[in-house]
PDB file of all heavy atoms in Angstrom:
ATOM      1  N   TYR A   1    -185.521  46.657  85.865  1.00  0.00           N
ATOM      2  CA  TYR A   1    -184.819  46.495  84.524  1.00  0.00           C
ATOM      3  C   TYR A   1    -185.736  45.677  83.560  1.00  0.00           C
ATOM      4  O   TYR A   1    -186.155  44.602  83.828  1.00  0.00           O
ATOM      5  CB  TYR A   1    -183.429  45.872  84.635  1.00  0.00           C
ATOM      6  CG  TYR A   1    -182.445  46.769  85.316  1.00  0.00           C
ATOM      7  CD1 TYR A   1    -182.531  47.210  86.633  1.00  0.00           C
ATOM      8  CD2 TYR A   1    -181.459  47.370  84.558  1.00  0.00           C
ATOM      9  CE1 TYR A   1    -181.644  48.161  87.264  1.00  0.00           C
ATOM     10  CE2 TYR A   1    -180.490  48.225  85.053  1.00  0.00           C
ATOM     11  CZ  TYR A   1    -180.632  48.663  86.420  1.00  0.00           C
ATOM     12  OH  TYR A   1    -179.722  49.534  86.940  1.00  0.00           O
ATOM     13  N   TYR A   2    -185.775  46.297  82.372  1.00  0.00           N
ATOM     14  CA  TYR A   2    -186.594  45.612  81.201  1.00  0.00           C
ATOM     15  C   TYR A   2    -185.648  45.366  80.118  1.00  0.00           C
ATOM     16  O   TYR A   2    -184.860  46.141  79.629  1.00  0.00           O
ATOM     17  CB  TYR A   2    -187.708  46.495  80.824  1.00  0.00           C
ATOM     18  CG  TYR A   2    -188.683  46.840  81.883  1.00  0.00           C
ATOM     19  CD1 TYR A   2    -188.511  47.936  82.710  1.00  0.00           C
ATOM     20  CD2 TYR A   2    -189.868  46.068  82.076  1.00  0.00           C
ATOM     21  CE1 TYR A   2    -189.499  48.252  83.658  1.00  0.00           C
ATOM     22  CE2 TYR A   2    -190.830  46.403  82.947  1.00  0.00           C
ATOM     23  CZ  TYR A   2    -190.521  47.491  83.825  1.00  0.00           C
ATOM     24  OH  TYR A   2    -191.574  47.760  84.681  1.00  0.00           O
ATOM     25  N   CYS A   3    -185.857  44.258  79.446  1.00  0.00           N
ATOM     26  CA  CYS A   3    -185.242  44.096  78.124  1.00  0.00           C
ATOM     27  C   CYS A   3    -186.409  44.307  77.069  1.00  0.00           C
ATOM     28  O   CYS A   3    -187.551  44.052  77.407  1.00  0.00           O
ATOM     29  CB  CYS A   3    -184.548  42.791  77.898  1.00  0.00           C
ATOM     30  SG  CYS A   3    -185.589  41.345  77.950  1.00  0.00           S
ATOM     31  N   ALA A   4    -185.986  44.726  75.887  1.00  0.00           N
ATOM     32  CA  ALA A   4    -187.013  44.978  74.869  1.00  0.00           C
ATOM     33  C   ALA A   4    -186.344  44.750  73.483  1.00  0.00           C
ATOM     34  O   ALA A   4    -185.189  44.643  73.362  1.00  0.00           O
ATOM     35  CB  ALA A   4    -187.464  46.474  74.883  1.00  0.00           C
ATOM     36  N   ALA A   5    -187.198  44.527  72.501  1.00  0.00           N
ATOM     37  CA  ALA A   5    -186.765  44.186  71.136  1.00  0.00           C
ATOM     38  C   ALA A   5    -187.582  44.825  70.081  1.00  0.00           C
ATOM     39  O   ALA A   5    -188.721  45.189  70.251  1.00  0.00           O
ATOM     40  CB  ALA A   5    -186.763  42.715  71.040  1.00  0.00           C
ATOM     41  N   TYR A   6    -186.954  45.110  68.944  1.00  0.00           N
ATOM     42  CA  TYR A   6    -187.667  45.527  67.753  1.00  0.00           C
ATOM     43  C   TYR A   6    -186.943  45.039  66.612  1.00  0.00           C
ATOM     44  O   TYR A   6    -185.734  44.737  66.586  1.00  0.00           O
ATOM     45  CB  TYR A   6    -187.854  47.079  67.658  1.00  0.00           C
ATOM     46  CG  TYR A   6    -186.588  47.863  67.349  1.00  0.00           C
ATOM     47  CD1 TYR A   6    -186.183  48.104  66.043  1.00  0.00           C
ATOM     48  CD2 TYR A   6    -185.766  48.308  68.425  1.00  0.00           C
ATOM     49  CE1 TYR A   6    -185.038  48.850  65.881  1.00  0.00           C
ATOM     50  CE2 TYR A   6    -184.663  49.003  68.214  1.00  0.00           C
ATOM     51  CZ  TYR A   6    -184.277  49.275  66.869  1.00  0.00           C
ATOM     52  OH  TYR A   6    -183.067  50.114  66.683  1.00  0.00           O
ATOM     53  N   TYR A   7    -187.825  44.751  65.504  1.00  0.00           N
ATOM     54  CA  TYR A   7    -187.244  44.204  64.224  1.00  0.00           C
ATOM     55  C   TYR A   7    -186.517  45.300  63.567  1.00  0.00           C
ATOM     56  O   TYR A   7    -186.886  46.473  63.443  1.00  0.00           O
ATOM     57  CB  TYR A   7    -188.357  43.671  63.370  1.00  0.00           C
ATOM     58  CG  TYR A   7    -187.884  43.247  61.940  1.00  0.00           C
ATOM     59  CD1 TYR A   7    -187.591  41.805  61.870  1.00  0.00           C
ATOM     60  CD2 TYR A   7    -187.833  44.056  60.830  1.00  0.00           C
ATOM     61  CE1 TYR A   7    -187.154  41.400  60.626  1.00  0.00           C
ATOM     62  CE2 TYR A   7    -187.350  43.567  59.739  1.00  0.00           C
ATOM     63  CZ  TYR A   7    -187.042  42.171  59.418  1.00  0.00           C
ATOM     64  OH  TYR A   7    -186.599  41.758  58.311  1.00  0.00           O
ATOM     65  N   SER A   8    -185.309  44.980  63.011  1.00  0.00           N
ATOM     66  CA  SER A   8    -184.517  45.989  62.336  1.00  0.00           C
ATOM     67  C   SER A   8    -183.826  45.430  61.059  1.00  0.00           C
ATOM     68  O   SER A   8    -183.365  44.282  61.163  1.00  0.00           O
ATOM     69  CB  SER A   8    -183.467  46.477  63.363  1.00  0.00           C
ATOM     70  OG  SER A   8    -182.542  47.433  62.594  1.00  0.00           O
ATOM     71  N   GLY A   9    -183.658  46.271  60.118  1.00  0.00           N
ATOM     72  CA  GLY A   9    -182.946  45.855  58.844  1.00  0.00           C
ATOM     73  C   GLY A   9    -181.695  46.704  58.821  1.00  0.00           C
ATOM     74  O   GLY A   9    -180.839  46.636  57.858  1.00  0.00           O
ATOM     75  N   GLY A  10    -181.289  47.428  59.941  1.00  0.00           N
ATOM     76  CA  GLY A  10    -180.175  48.272  59.914  1.00  0.00           C
ATOM     77  C   GLY A  10    -178.984  47.688  60.679  1.00  0.00           C
ATOM     78  O   GLY A  10    -179.103  46.546  61.204  1.00  0.00           O
ATOM     79  N   VAL A  11    -177.940  48.420  60.934  1.00  0.00           N
ATOM     80  CA  VAL A  11    -176.737  47.997  61.628  1.00  0.00           C
ATOM     81  C   VAL A  11    -176.573  48.637  63.079  1.00  0.00           C
ATOM     82  O   VAL A  11    -175.707  48.094  63.727  1.00  0.00           O
ATOM     83  CB  VAL A  11    -175.510  48.292  60.751  1.00  0.00           C
ATOM     84  CG1 VAL A  11    -175.589  47.540  59.506  1.00  0.00           C
ATOM     85  CG2 VAL A  11    -175.320  49.746  60.525  1.00  0.00           C
ATOM     86  N   TYR A  12    -177.424  49.444  63.318  1.00  0.00           N
ATOM     87  CA  TYR A  12    -177.260  50.252  64.627  1.00  0.00           C
ATOM     88  C   TYR A  12    -178.484  49.804  65.621  1.00  0.00           C
ATOM     89  O   TYR A  12    -179.344  49.069  65.195  1.00  0.00           O
ATOM     90  CB  TYR A  12    -177.213  51.720  64.396  1.00  0.00           C
ATOM     91  CG  TYR A  12    -176.014  52.114  63.735  1.00  0.00           C
ATOM     92  CD1 TYR A  12    -176.104  52.592  62.363  1.00  0.00           C
ATOM     93  CD2 TYR A  12    -174.768  51.951  64.284  1.00  0.00           C
ATOM     94  CE1 TYR A  12    -175.039  52.828  61.564  1.00  0.00           C
ATOM     95  CE2 TYR A  12    -173.582  52.425  63.484  1.00  0.00           C
ATOM     96  CZ  TYR A  12    -173.785  52.778  62.186  1.00  0.00           C
ATOM     97  OH  TYR A  12    -172.557  53.125  61.413  1.00  0.00           O
ATOM     98  N   CYS A  13    -178.431  50.376  66.713  1.00  0.00           N
ATOM     99  CA  CYS A  13    -179.548  50.117  67.652  1.00  0.00           C
ATOM    100  C   CYS A  13    -180.076  51.450  68.142  1.00  0.00           C
ATOM    101  O   CYS A  13    -179.373  52.546  68.253  1.00  0.00           O
ATOM    102  CB  CYS A  13    -179.189  49.206  68.882  1.00  0.00           C
ATOM    103  SG  CYS A  13    -177.820  49.920  69.866  1.00  0.00           S
ATOM    104  N   SER A  14    -181.318  51.544  68.607  1.00  0.00           N
ATOM    105  CA  SER A  14    -181.991  52.764  69.034  1.00  0.00           C
ATOM    106  C   SER A  14    -181.945  52.852  70.514  1.00  0.00           C
ATOM    107  O   SER A  14    -182.118  51.764  71.258  1.00  0.00           O
ATOM    108  CB  SER A  14    -183.445  52.794  68.451  1.00  0.00           C
ATOM    109  OG  SER A  14    -184.074  53.904  69.054  1.00  0.00           O
ATOM    110  N   SER A  15    -181.825  54.003  71.077  1.00  0.00           N
ATOM    111  CA  SER A  15    -181.883  54.281  72.467  1.00  0.00           C
ATOM    112  C   SER A  15    -183.234  54.782  72.983  1.00  0.00           C
ATOM    113  O   SER A  15    -183.457  55.055  74.083  1.00  0.00           O
ATOM    114  CB  SER A  15    -180.818  55.238  72.880  1.00  0.00           C
ATOM    115  OG  SER A  15    -179.527  54.738  72.639  1.00  0.00           O
ATOM    116  N   PHE A  16    -184.105  54.781  72.037  1.00  0.00           N
ATOM    117  CA  PHE A  16    -185.497  55.379  72.308  1.00  0.00           C
ATOM    118  C   PHE A  16    -186.552  54.168  72.484  1.00  0.00           C
ATOM    119  O   PHE A  16    -186.774  53.373  71.644  1.00  0.00           O
ATOM    120  CB  PHE A  16    -185.942  56.270  71.128  1.00  0.00           C
ATOM    121  CG  PHE A  16    -185.061  57.387  70.985  1.00  0.00           C
ATOM    122  CD1 PHE A  16    -184.109  57.501  70.048  1.00  0.00           C
ATOM    123  CD2 PHE A  16    -185.222  58.599  71.779  1.00  0.00           C
ATOM    124  CE1 PHE A  16    -183.245  58.600  69.892  1.00  0.00           C
ATOM    125  CE2 PHE A  16    -184.347  59.625  71.619  1.00  0.00           C
ATOM    126  CZ  PHE A  16    -183.433  59.668  70.645  1.00  0.00           C
ATOM    127  N   ALA A  17    -187.158  54.256  73.607  1.00  0.00           N
ATOM    128  CA  ALA A  17    -188.148  53.160  74.029  1.00  0.00           C
ATOM    129  C   ALA A  17    -189.260  53.106  73.055  1.00  0.00           C
ATOM    130  O   ALA A  17    -189.722  52.000  72.821  1.00  0.00           O
ATOM    131  CB  ALA A  17    -188.645  53.462  75.409  1.00  0.00           C
ATOM    132  N   VAL A  18    -189.634  54.204  72.417  1.00  0.00           N
ATOM    133  CA  VAL A  18    -190.695  54.176  71.492  1.00  0.00           C
ATOM    134  C   VAL A  18    -190.454  53.251  70.213  1.00  0.00           C
ATOM    135  O   VAL A  18    -191.460  52.831  69.662  1.00  0.00           O
ATOM    136  CB  VAL A  18    -191.122  55.582  71.024  1.00  0.00           C
ATOM    137  CG1 VAL A  18    -190.039  56.132  70.175  1.00  0.00           C
ATOM    138  CG2 VAL A  18    -192.346  55.720  70.360  1.00  0.00           C
ATOM    139  N   HIS A  19    -189.265  52.982  70.033  1.00  0.00           N
ATOM    140  CA  HIS A  19    -188.942  52.152  68.812  1.00  0.00           C
ATOM    141  C   HIS A  19    -189.174  50.660  69.158  1.00  0.00           C
ATOM    142  O   HIS A  19    -189.159  49.784  68.327  1.00  0.00           O
ATOM    143  CB  HIS A  19    -187.518  52.434  68.361  1.00  0.00           C
ATOM    144  CG  HIS A  19    -187.347  53.667  67.799  1.00  0.00           C
ATOM    145  ND1 HIS A  19    -186.168  54.398  67.677  1.00  0.00           N
ATOM    146  CD2 HIS A  19    -188.307  54.634  67.231  1.00  0.00           C
ATOM    147  CE1 HIS A  19    -186.311  55.586  67.041  1.00  0.00           C
ATOM    148  NE2 HIS A  19    -187.583  55.780  66.903  1.00  0.00           N
ATOM    149  N   TYR A  20    -189.231  50.340  70.359  1.00  0.00           N
ATOM    150  CA  TYR A  20    -189.237  48.944  70.803  1.00  0.00           C
ATOM    151  C   TYR A  20    -190.659  48.340  70.874  1.00  0.00           C
ATOM    152  O   TYR A  20    -191.551  49.055  71.500  1.00  0.00           O
ATOM    153  CB  TYR A  20    -188.610  48.723  72.207  1.00  0.00           C
ATOM    154  CG  TYR A  20    -187.117  48.956  72.052  1.00  0.00           C
ATOM    155  CD1 TYR A  20    -186.478  50.176  71.871  1.00  0.00           C
ATOM    156  CD2 TYR A  20    -186.275  47.814  72.006  1.00  0.00           C
ATOM    157  CE1 TYR A  20    -185.145  50.403  71.781  1.00  0.00           C
ATOM    158  CE2 TYR A  20    -184.809  47.943  71.821  1.00  0.00           C
ATOM    159  CZ  TYR A  20    -184.249  49.251  71.680  1.00  0.00           C
ATOM    160  OH  TYR A  20    -182.931  49.469  71.539  1.00  0.00           O
ATOM    161  N   ASP A  21    -190.938  47.212  70.196  1.00  0.00           N
ATOM    162  CA  ASP A  21    -192.201  46.716  70.168  1.00  0.00           C
ATOM    163  C   ASP A  21    -192.587  45.602  71.127  1.00  0.00           C
ATOM    164  O   ASP A  21    -193.726  45.237  71.484  1.00  0.00           O
ATOM    165  CB  ASP A  21    -192.521  46.116  68.785  1.00  0.00           C
ATOM    166  CG  ASP A  21    -192.293  47.187  67.678  1.00  0.00           C
ATOM    167  OD1 ASP A  21    -192.935  48.233  67.831  1.00  0.00           O
ATOM    168  OD2 ASP A  21    -191.599  46.978  66.603  1.00  0.00           O
ATOM    169  N   TYR A  22    -191.484  45.017  71.604  1.00  0.00           N
ATOM    170  CA  TYR A  22    -191.679  43.778  72.516  1.00  0.00           C
ATOM    171  C   TYR A  22    -190.889  44.037  73.807  1.00  0.00           C
ATOM    172  O   TYR A  22    -189.789  44.545  73.822  1.00  0.00           O
ATOM    173  CB  TYR A  22    -191.136  42.495  71.917  1.00  0.00           C
ATOM    174  CG  TYR A  22    -191.791  42.246  70.524  1.00  0.00           C
ATOM    175  CD1 TYR A  22    -191.098  42.612  69.316  1.00  0.00           C
ATOM    176  CD2 TYR A  22    -192.988  41.510  70.448  1.00  0.00           C
ATOM    177  CE1 TYR A  22    -191.798  42.396  68.134  1.00  0.00           C
ATOM    178  CE2 TYR A  22    -193.513  41.304  69.261  1.00  0.00           C
ATOM    179  CZ  TYR A  22    -193.028  41.665  68.097  1.00  0.00           C
ATOM    180  OH  TYR A  22    -193.534  41.468  66.881  1.00  0.00           O
ATOM    181  N   TRP A  23    -191.614  43.785  74.911  1.00  0.00           N
ATOM    182  CA  TRP A  23    -190.981  43.990  76.222  1.00  0.00           C
ATOM    183  C   TRP A  23    -191.127  42.846  77.110  1.00  0.00           C
ATOM    184  O   TRP A  23    -192.087  42.094  77.072  1.00  0.00           O
ATOM    185  CB  TRP A  23    -191.714  45.201  76.873  1.00  0.00           C
ATOM    186  CG  TRP A  23    -191.480  46.556  76.159  1.00  0.00           C
ATOM    187  CD1 TRP A  23    -192.028  46.921  75.011  1.00  0.00           C
ATOM    188  CD2 TRP A  23    -190.507  47.433  76.521  1.00  0.00           C
ATOM    189  NE1 TRP A  23    -191.507  48.229  74.739  1.00  0.00           N
ATOM    190  CE2 TRP A  23    -190.566  48.585  75.544  1.00  0.00           C
ATOM    191  CE3 TRP A  23    -189.519  47.689  77.549  1.00  0.00           C
ATOM    192  CZ2 TRP A  23    -189.716  49.716  75.703  1.00  0.00           C
ATOM    193  CZ3 TRP A  23    -188.688  48.788  77.633  1.00  0.00           C
ATOM    194  CH2 TRP A  23    -188.830  49.753  76.655  1.00  0.00           C
ATOM    195  N   GLY A  24    -190.136  42.699  78.002  1.00  0.00           N
ATOM    196  CA  GLY A  24    -190.213  41.704  79.043  1.00  0.00           C
ATOM    197  C   GLY A  24    -191.026  42.163  80.208  1.00  0.00           C
ATOM    198  O   GLY A  24    -191.454  43.392  80.225  1.00  0.00           O
ATOM    199  N   GLN A  25    -191.116  41.305  81.219  1.00  0.00           N
ATOM    200  CA  GLN A  25    -191.969  41.696  82.414  1.00  0.00           C
ATOM    201  C   GLN A  25    -191.171  42.544  83.417  1.00  0.00           C
ATOM    202  O   GLN A  25    -191.785  43.111  84.313  1.00  0.00           O
ATOM    203  CB  GLN A  25    -192.403  40.473  83.075  1.00  0.00           C
ATOM    204  CG  GLN A  25    -191.548  39.786  84.049  1.00  0.00           C
ATOM    205  CD  GLN A  25    -190.401  39.038  83.267  1.00  0.00           C
ATOM    206  OE1 GLN A  25    -190.385  38.945  82.083  1.00  0.00           O
ATOM    207  NE2 GLN A  25    -189.457  38.544  84.115  1.00  0.00           N
ATOM    208  N   GLY A  26    -189.883  42.592  83.241  1.00  0.00           N
ATOM    209  CA  GLY A  26    -189.008  43.411  84.189  1.00  0.00           C
ATOM    210  C   GLY A  26    -188.486  42.617  85.376  1.00  0.00           C
ATOM    211  O   GLY A  26    -189.107  41.453  85.786  1.00  0.00           O
ATOM    212  N   THR A  27    -187.347  42.919  85.892  1.00  0.00           N
ATOM    213  CA  THR A  27    -186.714  42.274  87.069  1.00  0.00           C
ATOM    214  C   THR A  27    -186.113  43.433  87.903  1.00  0.00           C
ATOM    215  O   THR A  27    -185.468  44.262  87.466  1.00  0.00           O
ATOM    216  CB  THR A  27    -185.668  41.226  86.572  1.00  0.00           C
ATOM    217  OG1 THR A  27    -185.195  40.554  87.715  1.00  0.00           O
ATOM    218  CG2 THR A  27    -184.477  41.925  85.888  1.00  0.00           C
ATOM    219  N   GLN A  28    -186.348  43.168  89.199  1.00  0.00           N
ATOM    220  CA  GLN A  28    -185.973  44.343  90.129  1.00  0.00           C
ATOM    221  C   GLN A  28    -184.549  44.037  90.558  1.00  0.00           C
ATOM    222  O   GLN A  28    -184.031  42.937  90.803  1.00  0.00           O
ATOM    223  CB  GLN A  28    -186.826  44.081  91.504  1.00  0.00           C
ATOM    224  CG  GLN A  28    -186.389  45.070  92.476  1.00  0.00           C
ATOM    225  CD  GLN A  28    -186.841  46.515  92.231  1.00  0.00           C
ATOM    226  OE1 GLN A  28    -187.853  46.795  91.777  1.00  0.00           O
ATOM    227  NE2 GLN A  28    -185.887  47.455  92.465  1.00  0.00           N
ATOM    228  N   VAL A  29    -183.790  45.190  90.471  1.00  0.00           N
ATOM    229  CA  VAL A  29    -182.402  45.274  90.997  1.00  0.00           C
ATOM    230  C   VAL A  29    -182.326  46.296  92.096  1.00  0.00           C
ATOM    231  O   VAL A  29    -182.806  47.438  91.907  1.00  0.00           O
ATOM    232  CB  VAL A  29    -181.478  45.665  89.847  1.00  0.00           C
ATOM    233  CG1 VAL A  29    -179.967  45.950  90.418  1.00  0.00           C
ATOM    234  CG2 VAL A  29    -181.383  44.579  88.785  1.00  0.00           C
TER     235      VAL A  29
END
């Protein structure tokens, strides 16, 4: 599982990985 982030000026969130600029290292579940 990874968390990710991107800068946004909007009110919604994207479900598309390509929009995310920053990623964590991941954690196994």
